[in-house]
Amino acid sequence: PRSTLFPYTTLFRSSTAIEAKSLTAEDASLHEIDMLSRVSKISGEPVYYVGYLFIKTDGINDGANAYHWNEGEISLKSVMENISVGGEQKYGYGRLELVSDEQVAEDSSLFNLAGYEIKLDAEKPTLTLAANSTLPMFAHLEINNNLSDALDITGRIEPVVGRNWVSAQTGRTSLGPGRSLSTTVIGYEPGSIIKLKGSEQSITIGKFGIWHHG
């Protein structure tokens, strides 16, 4: 059930449009919004989104400028201080405020979970999965011909596709948010379970946080 993942923080809101003549629910207008509460329904303590943003030491380059986490006229930190995620944003849902940031130490564990060691000395961030371990997945893992038989994965498969911002540098006339579809990736969804059969394995973190193996 959808509520078992966050049983103490999930809220549901239902609404419908009203047919003016009959004052009854309009056909096909009933919908429900699932959301995470800002506080725990048990303890009353705040609920936080926790994640990683990996940035190369020379910054993120868009072809015209290089953007760094906390440097320059426009820093990535200033952009991330207030963002919106998810749907129904026009009603004020999904607003996130940055309350803390800290640099990841080399060889630390992903979310302090034993079995996921973070390596930052390669071209892309790499996770080293401990031998003979059983671990949950925190992102989509792409399914391709390089996926090793050493990974025994249990979970659902789904396509991963999004809408991208189209800038003037692309040469396209239709600019703005959501004007271009990203390349579709087929992958195991977050929450799937990885069981390693034998030696340790490496996972690289690519664009949009998608995991890759092999």
Protein backbone atom coordinates (compact mmCIF):
# COMPACT_ATOMS: atom_id res chain seq x y z
CA PRO A 1 0.00 0.00 0.00
CA ARG A 2 1.16 3.51 -0.77
CA SER A 3 0.91 4.60 2.88
CA THR A 4 3.31 1.95 4.23
CA LEU A 5 6.42 3.77 2.99
CA PHE A 6 5.81 6.83 5.16
CA PRO A 7 3.03 5.71 7.55
CA TYR A 8 3.60 8.56 9.98
CA THR A 9 4.05 11.43 7.53
CA THR A 10 1.68 10.77 4.61
CA LEU A 11 -1.41 12.93 4.17
CA PHE A 12 -4.23 12.59 1.64
CA ARG A 13 -6.49 15.33 0.27
CA SER A 14 -9.52 14.61 -1.93
CA SER A 15 -11.57 17.12 -3.89
CA THR A 16 -14.07 17.31 -6.74
CA ALA A 17 -15.75 19.86 -8.95
CA ILE A 18 -19.46 20.54 -8.44
CA GLU A 19 -22.00 20.48 -11.27
CA ALA A 20 -23.82 23.82 -10.94
CA LYS A 21 -27.25 22.60 -12.06
CA SER A 22 -27.51 19.51 -9.88
CA LEU A 23 -25.08 20.52 -7.10
CA THR A 24 -23.56 17.05 -7.35
CA ALA A 25 -20.04 15.92 -8.14
CA GLU A 26 -19.05 16.55 -11.74
CA ASP A 27 -18.20 13.39 -13.67
CA ALA A 28 -14.48 12.49 -13.83
CA SER A 29 -13.49 15.40 -11.57
CA LEU A 30 -12.78 13.52 -8.34
CA HIS A 31 -9.06 13.45 -7.59
CA GLU A 32 -6.77 12.85 -4.66
CA ILE A 33 -3.45 14.43 -3.67
CA ASP A 34 -0.90 12.46 -1.64
CA MET A 35 1.68 14.53 0.23
CA LEU A 36 4.23 14.35 3.00
CA SER A 37 3.37 16.32 6.11
CA ARG A 38 5.82 18.92 7.34
CA VAL A 39 5.79 17.26 10.75
CA SER A 40 5.58 13.68 11.99
CA LYS A 41 2.07 12.64 12.96
CA ILE A 42 3.54 10.75 15.93
CA SER A 43 6.26 12.96 17.41
CA GLY A 44 5.31 16.33 15.94
CA GLU A 45 8.95 16.84 14.90
CA PRO A 46 9.82 18.39 11.49
CA VAL A 47 10.20 16.10 8.46
CA TYR A 48 13.23 16.71 6.22
CA TYR A 49 14.20 15.80 2.68
CA VAL A 50 17.80 14.52 2.72
CA GLY A 51 19.89 13.99 -0.40
CA TYR A 52 23.12 14.57 -2.27
CA LEU A 53 24.19 17.06 -4.93
CA PHE A 54 27.47 16.07 -6.58
CA ILE A 55 29.39 18.94 -8.22
CA LYS A 56 32.76 18.78 -9.96
CA THR A 57 35.53 20.94 -8.50
CA ASP A 58 35.46 23.17 -11.61
CA GLY A 59 31.72 23.67 -11.24
CA ILE A 60 28.78 22.97 -13.52
CA ASN A 61 29.27 24.50 -16.95
CA ASP A 62 26.32 25.42 -19.20
CA GLY A 63 28.54 26.54 -22.09
CA ALA A 64 28.59 30.17 -21.02
CA ASN A 65 29.24 30.09 -17.27
CA ALA A 66 30.54 27.77 -14.57
CA TYR A 67 28.42 27.57 -11.45
CA HIS A 68 29.79 26.58 -8.05
CA TRP A 69 28.04 25.63 -4.82
CA ASN A 70 28.79 28.72 -2.77
CA GLU A 71 30.81 30.99 -5.07
CA GLY A 72 30.11 33.56 -7.75
CA GLU A 73 27.31 36.03 -8.44
CA ILE A 74 24.82 33.18 -8.87
CA SER A 75 25.73 30.21 -6.70
CA LEU A 76 24.01 26.85 -6.78
CA LYS A 77 23.36 27.16 -3.06
CA SER A 78 21.37 30.36 -3.57
CA VAL A 79 19.29 28.59 -6.24
CA MET A 80 18.64 25.61 -3.97
CA GLU A 81 17.67 27.65 -0.91
CA ASN A 82 14.01 27.66 -1.99
CA ILE A 83 12.71 25.17 -4.56
CA SER A 84 9.44 23.43 -5.41
CA VAL A 85 9.06 19.74 -6.19
CA GLY A 86 6.22 17.45 -7.21
CA GLY A 87 2.81 18.36 -8.56
CA GLU A 88 0.12 20.90 -7.62
CA GLN A 89 2.79 23.61 -7.19
CA LYS A 90 0.38 26.36 -8.17
CA TYR A 91 -1.51 25.63 -4.95
CA GLY A 92 1.66 26.02 -2.88
CA TYR A 93 2.48 22.34 -2.45
CA GLY A 94 6.03 20.99 -2.66
CA ARG A 95 7.94 23.99 -1.36
CA LEU A 96 11.32 23.07 0.13
CA GLU A 97 13.69 25.31 2.06
CA LEU A 98 17.38 24.50 2.47
CA VAL A 99 18.17 24.39 6.19
CA SER A 100 21.57 22.67 6.22
CA ASP A 101 24.40 21.63 3.91
CA GLU A 102 27.69 19.88 4.52
CA GLN A 103 30.47 18.54 2.35
CA VAL A 104 30.63 14.81 1.83
CA ALA A 105 33.82 13.21 3.07
CA GLU A 106 35.68 10.81 0.81
CA ASP A 107 34.99 7.16 1.67
CA SER A 108 31.93 8.04 3.72
CA SER A 109 28.80 5.87 3.54
CA LEU A 110 25.70 6.85 1.58
CA PHE A 111 23.14 8.03 4.15
CA ASN A 112 25.47 6.48 6.77
CA LEU A 113 24.37 3.05 5.56
CA ALA A 114 26.97 0.31 5.83
CA GLY A 115 27.65 -1.29 2.46
CA TYR A 116 27.47 1.89 0.34
CA GLU A 117 30.89 3.58 0.20
CA ILE A 118 31.12 6.88 -1.69
CA LYS A 119 34.12 7.42 -3.99
CA LEU A 120 34.78 10.89 -5.45
CA ASP A 121 38.13 10.38 -7.21
CA ALA A 122 36.68 9.27 -10.57
CA GLU A 123 35.01 11.14 -13.45
CA LYS A 124 31.62 10.45 -11.88
CA PRO A 125 30.62 9.80 -8.26
CA THR A 126 30.88 6.08 -7.54
CA LEU A 127 29.28 3.84 -4.95
CA THR A 128 31.16 0.72 -3.88
CA LEU A 129 28.73 -1.98 -2.75
CA ALA A 130 30.13 -4.36 -0.15
CA ALA A 131 30.53 -8.02 -1.08
CA ASN A 132 27.65 -10.38 -0.25
CA SER A 133 25.49 -7.48 1.00
CA THR A 134 21.76 -6.84 0.71
CA LEU A 135 20.96 -3.16 0.17
CA PRO A 136 18.00 -0.91 -0.69
CA MET A 137 18.23 1.30 -3.79
CA PHE A 138 17.85 5.06 -3.35
CA ALA A 139 17.54 5.90 -7.05
CA HIS A 140 16.67 4.36 -10.41
CA LEU A 141 19.17 1.78 -11.68
CA GLU A 142 19.36 1.68 -15.48
CA ILE A 143 18.72 -1.70 -17.10
CA ASN A 144 21.11 -2.40 -19.96
CA ASN A 145 23.38 -5.13 -21.37
CA ASN A 146 26.13 -4.18 -18.90
CA LEU A 147 24.06 -5.07 -15.84
CA SER A 148 26.05 -7.82 -14.16
CA ASP A 149 24.70 -11.20 -13.09
CA ALA A 150 26.49 -10.50 -9.81
CA LEU A 151 23.55 -8.25 -8.88
CA ASP A 152 20.37 -10.05 -7.88
CA ILE A 153 17.71 -7.31 -7.94
CA THR A 154 14.15 -7.54 -6.69
CA GLY A 155 11.84 -4.66 -7.61
CA ARG A 156 9.55 -3.10 -10.15
CA ILE A 157 10.71 -1.79 -13.53
CA GLU A 158 9.52 1.53 -14.96
CA PRO A 159 10.48 4.10 -17.62
CA VAL A 160 12.20 7.26 -16.38
CA VAL A 161 11.46 10.35 -18.45
CA GLY A 162 11.15 14.02 -17.62
CA ARG A 163 10.69 17.46 -19.12
CA ASN A 164 13.75 19.68 -19.49
CA TRP A 165 14.30 23.43 -19.59
CA VAL A 166 15.10 24.62 -23.13
CA SER A 167 17.55 27.54 -23.23
CA ALA A 168 18.53 29.90 -26.03
CA GLN A 169 21.88 28.08 -26.43
CA THR A 170 20.07 25.11 -27.99
CA GLY A 171 19.03 27.17 -31.01
CA ARG A 172 15.38 26.22 -30.58
CA THR A 173 12.63 28.81 -30.80
CA SER A 174 10.40 27.23 -28.16
CA LEU A 175 12.10 28.16 -24.87
CA GLY A 176 11.31 27.65 -21.21
CA PRO A 177 10.44 24.89 -18.77
CA GLY A 178 9.17 21.50 -19.92
CA ARG A 179 9.67 22.16 -23.64
CA SER A 180 11.89 19.12 -24.22
CA LEU A 181 11.59 15.49 -23.14
CA SER A 182 14.64 13.80 -21.64
CA THR A 183 15.94 10.55 -23.07
CA THR A 184 13.89 7.67 -21.69
CA VAL A 185 15.70 5.24 -19.39
CA ILE A 186 14.27 1.89 -18.34
CA GLY A 187 15.27 1.04 -14.80
CA TYR A 188 14.52 -0.54 -11.47
CA GLU A 189 12.62 1.91 -9.31
CA PRO A 190 13.90 3.29 -5.97
CA GLY A 191 13.16 0.95 -3.09
CA SER A 192 14.23 -2.14 -5.02
CA ILE A 193 16.58 -4.52 -3.21
CA ILE A 194 20.07 -5.41 -4.44
CA LYS A 195 21.69 -8.65 -3.33
CA LEU A 196 25.34 -9.07 -4.23
CA LYS A 197 26.47 -12.56 -5.15
CA GLY A 198 30.17 -12.61 -4.38
CA SER A 199 32.66 -9.73 -4.69
CA GLU A 200 32.01 -6.01 -4.25
CA GLN A 201 30.51 -4.07 -7.16
CA SER A 202 30.63 -0.44 -8.31
CA ILE A 203 27.70 1.80 -9.22
CA THR A 204 28.22 5.17 -10.92
CA ILE A 205 25.84 8.08 -10.42
CA GLY A 206 24.96 9.79 -13.69
CA LYS A 207 22.76 12.66 -14.82
CA PHE A 208 19.54 13.19 -12.88
CA GLY A 209 20.92 10.87 -10.18
CA ILE A 210 20.32 7.71 -12.21
CA TRP A 211 22.53 4.79 -11.20
CA HIS A 212 24.54 2.80 -13.75
CA HIS A 213 26.40 -0.50 -13.44
CA GLY A 214 29.04 -1.95 -15.72
